[in-house]
Protein backbone atom coordinates (compact mmCIF):
# COMPACT_ATOMS: atom_id res chain seq x y z
CA UNK A 1 13.35 61.70 154.88
CA UNK A 2 11.02 64.55 153.72
CA UNK A 3 9.87 64.70 150.14
CA UNK A 4 10.16 68.00 148.34
CA UNK A 5 8.04 69.15 145.46
CA UNK A 6 9.80 69.66 142.18
CA UNK A 7 9.35 73.25 141.12
CA UNK A 8 10.51 75.80 138.66
CA UNK A 9 14.15 76.43 137.97
CA UNK A 10 16.02 78.48 140.55
CA UNK A 11 17.19 80.65 137.65
CA UNK A 12 13.66 82.01 137.26
CA UNK A 13 13.81 85.82 137.45
CA UNK A 14 10.31 86.60 138.78
CA UNK A 15 7.77 84.64 140.77
CA UNK A 16 4.69 86.14 139.15
CA UNK A 17 4.08 87.09 135.53
CA UNK A 18 5.05 90.62 134.64
CA UNK A 19 1.45 91.55 133.80
CA UNK A 20 -1.78 90.51 135.52
CA UNK A 21 -3.28 90.00 132.05
CA UNK A 22 -1.11 86.87 131.77
CA UNK A 23 -3.45 85.26 134.33
CA UNK A 24 -6.69 86.25 132.57
CA UNK A 25 -7.74 84.11 129.59
CA UNK A 26 -8.89 85.71 126.33
CA UNK A 27 -12.59 86.56 126.27
CA UNK A 28 -12.87 86.75 130.08
CA UNK A 29 -15.30 89.33 131.49
CA UNK A 30 -12.51 90.88 133.56
CA UNK A 31 -10.86 92.14 130.37
CA UNK A 32 -14.06 93.99 129.43
CA UNK A 33 -14.32 95.53 132.89
CA UNK A 34 -10.67 96.59 132.74
CA UNK A 35 -11.13 98.24 129.35
CA UNK A 36 -14.18 100.19 130.57
CA UNK A 37 -12.62 101.27 133.86
CA UNK A 38 -9.39 102.36 132.18
CA UNK A 39 -11.23 104.94 130.03
CA UNK A 40 -13.29 106.42 132.88
CA UNK A 41 -12.47 109.94 134.01
CA UNK A 42 -12.52 109.77 137.80
CA UNK A 43 -11.22 113.29 138.45
CA UNK A 44 -14.68 114.52 139.50
CA UNK A 45 -15.07 111.66 141.95
CA UNK A 46 -11.61 112.21 143.42
CA UNK A 47 -12.12 115.96 143.78
CA UNK A 48 -15.52 115.46 145.45
CA UNK A 49 -14.00 112.96 147.88
CA UNK A 50 -11.15 115.36 148.65
CA UNK A 51 -13.60 118.16 149.44
CA UNK A 52 -15.62 115.81 151.65
CA UNK A 53 -12.52 114.65 153.53
CA UNK A 54 -11.35 118.25 154.03
CA UNK A 55 -14.76 119.22 155.43
CA UNK A 56 -14.72 116.27 157.82
CA UNK A 57 -11.23 117.08 159.05
CA UNK A 58 -12.29 120.66 159.75
CA UNK A 59 -15.32 119.37 161.64
CA UNK A 60 -13.25 117.02 163.80
CA UNK A 61 -10.56 119.58 164.59
CA UNK A 62 -12.96 122.11 166.13
C-alpha cells in the first residue's frame, strides 16, 4: 500500500503566498534591489527599445 505525505489542509485557499515578499526574509538583499528597481523610471529605455524594434521591422519588411 502506498504511503502518502501529510500536507496542508484541503481547505487552503491558495497554494502560494499572496505576495512574493512573504518568501523573502527581512534584511535580504533582494528587498533592497526591489526598492531600487521600483523607483526607476524606465520610460526612456522602453521608448528607445520601441524605436529600435520599429526600425528593425521596417528593415525586414523591405
